[in-house]
Amino acid sequence: MLGLYGGATGLVIELAAKKAIEAFSKKSTDATQTSAQLTDEAQKVEIQSLVLQSQAKVQQELSIARRILAAEEVEIEEFYDGSASADLGAKASTD
């Protein structure tokens, strides 16, 4: 399995997040940076991380959709968690 979210896209997103964190780490060790600048940089890295996580979730959903499109038979079932909220689960089969 490649990357945290699987697949090449997940690997690219994970590498981008690591690069953003490394860039922040380098800036945080710079003695000329003020605390306000470091706070701004930390917020930027956090936003980048959230965007990358969202992109990974979208890629995961697209992957599921592609598998469903390619399947000969698709079974969708509703399931409930402990809070009694309904969710949909999909099962695809190429048999």
N, C-alpha and C. Protein backbone atom coordinates (compact mmCIF):
# COMPACT_ATOMS: atom_id res chain seq x y z
N MET A 1 0.85 -1.18 0.00
CA MET A 1 0.00 0.00 0.00
C MET A 1 0.89 1.24 0.00
N LEU A 2 0.66 2.11 -0.95
CA LEU A 2 1.46 3.31 -1.06
C LEU A 2 0.81 4.45 -0.30
N GLY A 3 1.55 5.14 0.52
CA GLY A 3 1.06 6.32 1.20
C GLY A 3 0.01 6.01 2.25
N LEU A 4 -0.36 7.02 2.99
CA LEU A 4 -1.34 6.89 4.06
C LEU A 4 -2.72 6.54 3.52
N TYR A 5 -3.11 7.12 2.39
CA TYR A 5 -4.44 6.91 1.83
C TYR A 5 -4.43 5.88 0.71
N GLY A 6 -3.29 5.32 0.40
CA GLY A 6 -3.21 4.30 -0.64
C GLY A 6 -3.12 4.92 -2.02
N GLY A 7 -2.45 4.26 -2.89
CA GLY A 7 -2.34 4.71 -4.26
C GLY A 7 -1.30 5.79 -4.44
N ALA A 8 -1.02 6.08 -5.69
CA ALA A 8 -0.01 7.08 -6.02
C ALA A 8 -0.43 8.47 -5.58
N THR A 9 -1.70 8.79 -5.71
CA THR A 9 -2.18 10.12 -5.30
C THR A 9 -2.00 10.31 -3.80
N GLY A 10 -2.31 9.29 -3.02
CA GLY A 10 -2.12 9.38 -1.58
C GLY A 10 -0.67 9.59 -1.22
N LEU A 11 0.22 8.92 -1.95
CA LEU A 11 1.65 9.07 -1.71
C LEU A 11 2.10 10.50 -2.01
N VAL A 12 1.63 11.06 -3.11
CA VAL A 12 1.99 12.44 -3.48
C VAL A 12 1.48 13.42 -2.43
N ILE A 13 0.25 13.23 -1.97
CA ILE A 13 -0.32 14.12 -0.96
C ILE A 13 0.47 14.00 0.34
N GLU A 14 0.82 12.79 0.71
CA GLU A 14 1.60 12.59 1.94
C GLU A 14 2.97 13.25 1.83
N LEU A 15 3.62 13.13 0.68
CA LEU A 15 4.93 13.76 0.48
C LEU A 15 4.82 15.28 0.53
N ALA A 16 3.74 15.83 -0.05
CA ALA A 16 3.54 17.28 -0.02
C ALA A 16 3.36 17.77 1.42
N ALA A 17 2.63 17.01 2.21
CA ALA A 17 2.44 17.38 3.62
C ALA A 17 3.77 17.34 4.37
N LYS A 18 4.57 16.32 4.10
CA LYS A 18 5.87 16.22 4.76
C LYS A 18 6.77 17.40 4.39
N LYS A 19 6.74 17.80 3.11
CA LYS A 19 7.55 18.94 2.66
C LYS A 19 7.10 20.22 3.34
N ALA A 20 5.79 20.41 3.49
CA ALA A 20 5.28 21.61 4.16
C ALA A 20 5.73 21.64 5.61
N ILE A 21 5.69 20.50 6.27
CA ILE A 21 6.13 20.43 7.67
C ILE A 21 7.63 20.68 7.78
N GLU A 22 8.40 20.13 6.84
CA GLU A 22 9.85 20.36 6.85
C GLU A 22 10.17 21.84 6.65
N ALA A 23 9.43 22.49 5.73
CA ALA A 23 9.65 23.91 5.49
C ALA A 23 9.36 24.72 6.75
N PHE A 24 8.28 24.37 7.44
CA PHE A 24 7.95 25.06 8.69
C PHE A 24 9.02 24.81 9.74
N SER A 25 9.50 23.59 9.82
CA SER A 25 10.53 23.24 10.81
C SER A 25 11.80 24.05 10.58
N LYS A 26 12.19 24.21 9.31
CA LYS A 26 13.38 24.99 9.00
C LYS A 26 13.19 26.45 9.41
N LYS A 27 12.01 26.99 9.12
CA LYS A 27 11.75 28.39 9.47
C LYS A 27 11.69 28.58 10.98
N SER A 28 11.20 27.57 11.69
CA SER A 28 11.06 27.72 13.14
C SER A 28 12.41 27.71 13.86
N THR A 29 13.45 27.18 13.21
CA THR A 29 14.78 27.18 13.83
C THR A 29 15.57 28.43 13.47
N ASP A 30 15.03 29.25 12.57
CA ASP A 30 15.67 30.51 12.18
C ASP A 30 15.50 31.52 13.31
N ALA A 31 16.61 32.01 13.84
CA ALA A 31 16.57 32.92 15.00
C ALA A 31 15.97 34.28 14.65
N THR A 32 15.92 34.64 13.37
CA THR A 32 15.39 35.96 13.00
C THR A 32 13.87 35.97 12.88
N GLN A 33 13.23 34.82 12.97
CA GLN A 33 11.77 34.74 12.87
C GLN A 33 11.13 35.21 14.17
N THR A 34 10.11 36.05 14.05
CA THR A 34 9.37 36.48 15.24
C THR A 34 8.29 35.46 15.55
N SER A 35 7.74 35.53 16.74
CA SER A 35 6.68 34.58 17.11
C SER A 35 5.45 34.77 16.24
N ALA A 36 5.16 36.01 15.84
CA ALA A 36 4.01 36.26 14.96
C ALA A 36 4.22 35.60 13.60
N GLN A 37 5.44 35.69 13.08
CA GLN A 37 5.75 35.06 11.79
C GLN A 37 5.64 33.55 11.90
N LEU A 38 6.12 33.00 13.01
CA LEU A 38 6.03 31.55 13.20
C LEU A 38 4.59 31.10 13.35
N THR A 39 3.78 31.90 14.03
CA THR A 39 2.36 31.57 14.18
C THR A 39 1.67 31.59 12.82
N ASP A 40 1.97 32.61 12.01
CA ASP A 40 1.40 32.68 10.66
C ASP A 40 1.82 31.47 9.83
N GLU A 41 3.09 31.12 9.92
CA GLU A 41 3.60 29.98 9.16
C GLU A 41 2.94 28.68 9.63
N ALA A 42 2.76 28.53 10.94
CA ALA A 42 2.11 27.34 11.48
C ALA A 42 0.67 27.24 10.99
N GLN A 43 -0.02 28.37 10.92
CA GLN A 43 -1.40 28.38 10.42
C GLN A 43 -1.44 27.99 8.95
N LYS A 44 -0.47 28.48 8.17
CA LYS A 44 -0.41 28.11 6.75
C LYS A 44 -0.20 26.61 6.59
N VAL A 45 0.71 26.05 7.38
CA VAL A 45 0.99 24.61 7.31
C VAL A 45 -0.25 23.82 7.71
N GLU A 46 -0.95 24.28 8.74
CA GLU A 46 -2.17 23.59 9.18
C GLU A 46 -3.24 23.62 8.09
N ILE A 47 -3.40 24.77 7.43
CA ILE A 47 -4.38 24.88 6.35
C ILE A 47 -3.98 23.97 5.19
N GLN A 48 -2.68 23.97 4.84
CA GLN A 48 -2.21 23.09 3.77
C GLN A 48 -2.50 21.63 4.11
N SER A 49 -2.29 21.26 5.35
CA SER A 49 -2.54 19.89 5.78
C SER A 49 -4.02 19.54 5.65
N LEU A 50 -4.89 20.45 6.05
CA LEU A 50 -6.34 20.21 5.94
C LEU A 50 -6.75 20.07 4.48
N VAL A 51 -6.19 20.91 3.61
CA VAL A 51 -6.51 20.83 2.18
C VAL A 51 -6.03 19.50 1.61
N LEU A 52 -4.83 19.09 1.98
CA LEU A 52 -4.29 17.82 1.48
C LEU A 52 -5.11 16.64 1.97
N GLN A 53 -5.57 16.69 3.22
CA GLN A 53 -6.43 15.62 3.74
C GLN A 53 -7.75 15.57 2.98
N SER A 54 -8.30 16.74 2.69
CA SER A 54 -9.56 16.79 1.93
C SER A 54 -9.36 16.23 0.54
N GLN A 55 -8.25 16.59 -0.10
CA GLN A 55 -7.97 16.06 -1.43
C GLN A 55 -7.81 14.55 -1.39
N ALA A 56 -7.19 14.03 -0.36
CA ALA A 56 -7.02 12.58 -0.24
C ALA A 56 -8.37 11.89 -0.09
N LYS A 57 -9.27 12.49 0.69
CA LYS A 57 -10.61 11.92 0.86
C LYS A 57 -11.37 11.93 -0.46
N VAL A 58 -11.23 13.01 -1.23
CA VAL A 58 -11.88 13.08 -2.54
C VAL A 58 -11.34 11.99 -3.45
N GLN A 59 -10.02 11.81 -3.46
CA GLN A 59 -9.42 10.76 -4.28
C GLN A 59 -9.90 9.38 -3.86
N GLN A 60 -10.08 9.19 -2.56
CA GLN A 60 -10.58 7.91 -2.06
C GLN A 60 -12.01 7.67 -2.55
N GLU A 61 -12.85 8.71 -2.49
CA GLU A 61 -14.23 8.58 -2.97
C GLU A 61 -14.27 8.33 -4.47
N LEU A 62 -13.39 9.00 -5.22
CA LEU A 62 -13.34 8.78 -6.67
C LEU A 62 -12.91 7.35 -6.98
N SER A 63 -11.99 6.83 -6.21
CA SER A 63 -11.55 5.45 -6.39
C SER A 63 -12.71 4.48 -6.15
N ILE A 64 -13.48 4.72 -5.11
CA ILE A 64 -14.65 3.88 -4.83
C ILE A 64 -15.65 3.98 -5.97
N ALA A 65 -15.88 5.21 -6.46
CA ALA A 65 -16.83 5.41 -7.55
C ALA A 65 -16.38 4.67 -8.81
N ARG A 66 -15.08 4.69 -9.10
CA ARG A 66 -14.56 3.97 -10.28
C ARG A 66 -14.77 2.47 -10.14
N ARG A 67 -14.55 1.95 -8.93
CA ARG A 67 -14.77 0.51 -8.71
C ARG A 67 -16.23 0.16 -8.90
N ILE A 68 -17.12 1.03 -8.44
CA ILE A 68 -18.56 0.78 -8.60
C ILE A 68 -18.93 0.81 -10.08
N LEU A 69 -18.38 1.78 -10.83
CA LEU A 69 -18.68 1.87 -12.26
C LEU A 69 -18.22 0.63 -13.02
N ALA A 70 -17.10 0.06 -12.60
CA ALA A 70 -16.55 -1.09 -13.30
C ALA A 70 -17.18 -2.41 -12.87
N ALA A 71 -17.93 -2.40 -11.78
CA ALA A 71 -18.50 -3.64 -11.24
C ALA A 71 -19.72 -4.07 -12.03
N GLU A 72 -19.92 -5.37 -12.12
CA GLU A 72 -21.11 -5.91 -12.77
C GLU A 72 -22.32 -5.82 -11.84
N GLU A 73 -22.07 -5.96 -10.56
CA GLU A 73 -23.15 -5.94 -9.57
C GLU A 73 -22.73 -5.05 -8.41
N VAL A 74 -23.64 -4.18 -7.97
CA VAL A 74 -23.36 -3.28 -6.85
C VAL A 74 -24.44 -3.47 -5.80
N GLU A 75 -24.02 -3.68 -4.57
CA GLU A 75 -24.95 -3.83 -3.46
C GLU A 75 -24.74 -2.66 -2.50
N ILE A 76 -25.80 -1.90 -2.23
CA ILE A 76 -25.71 -0.77 -1.31
C ILE A 76 -26.58 -1.08 -0.11
N GLU A 77 -26.01 -0.91 1.07
CA GLU A 77 -26.76 -1.19 2.29
C GLU A 77 -26.64 -0.02 3.24
N GLU A 78 -27.70 0.21 4.01
CA GLU A 78 -27.68 1.25 5.03
C GLU A 78 -27.18 0.64 6.33
N PHE A 79 -26.40 1.40 7.07
CA PHE A 79 -25.98 0.93 8.38
C PHE A 79 -26.02 2.10 9.35
N TYR A 80 -26.15 1.77 10.61
CA TYR A 80 -26.28 2.78 11.66
C TYR A 80 -25.14 2.63 12.65
N ASP A 81 -24.60 3.77 13.08
CA ASP A 81 -23.60 3.72 14.13
C ASP A 81 -24.29 3.89 15.48
N GLY A 82 -23.54 4.02 16.54
CA GLY A 82 -24.10 4.13 17.88
C GLY A 82 -25.02 5.32 18.09
N SER A 83 -24.85 6.37 17.28
CA SER A 83 -25.68 7.56 17.45
C SER A 83 -26.98 7.46 16.66
N ALA A 84 -27.25 6.33 16.03
CA ALA A 84 -28.46 6.07 15.25
C ALA A 84 -28.55 6.95 14.01
N SER A 85 -27.42 7.44 13.51
CA SER A 85 -27.46 8.17 12.26
C SER A 85 -27.20 7.19 11.12
N ALA A 86 -27.91 7.37 10.03
CA ALA A 86 -27.80 6.43 8.91
C ALA A 86 -26.64 6.81 8.00
N ASP A 87 -25.96 5.81 7.51
CA ASP A 87 -24.93 5.97 6.50
C ASP A 87 -25.19 4.94 5.42
N LEU A 88 -24.58 5.16 4.26
CA LEU A 88 -24.71 4.20 3.18
C LEU A 88 -23.39 3.49 2.99
N GLY A 89 -23.46 2.21 2.76
CA GLY A 89 -22.28 1.43 2.45
C GLY A 89 -22.49 0.81 1.08
N ALA A 90 -21.45 0.75 0.28
CA ALA A 90 -21.57 0.18 -1.06
C ALA A 90 -20.64 -1.00 -1.18
N LYS A 91 -21.11 -2.03 -1.85
CA LYS A 91 -20.30 -3.21 -2.09
C LYS A 91 -20.38 -3.49 -3.59
N ALA A 92 -19.23 -3.59 -4.24
CA ALA A 92 -19.19 -3.84 -5.67
C ALA A 92 -18.58 -5.21 -5.92
N SER A 93 -19.05 -5.86 -6.97
CA SER A 93 -18.56 -7.18 -7.31
C SER A 93 -18.41 -7.29 -8.81
N THR A 94 -17.32 -7.88 -9.28
CA THR A 94 -17.12 -8.09 -10.71
C THR A 94 -17.44 -9.53 -11.10
N ASP A 95 -17.96 -10.32 -10.17
CA ASP A 95 -18.31 -11.72 -10.45
C ASP A 95 -19.62 -11.82 -11.19
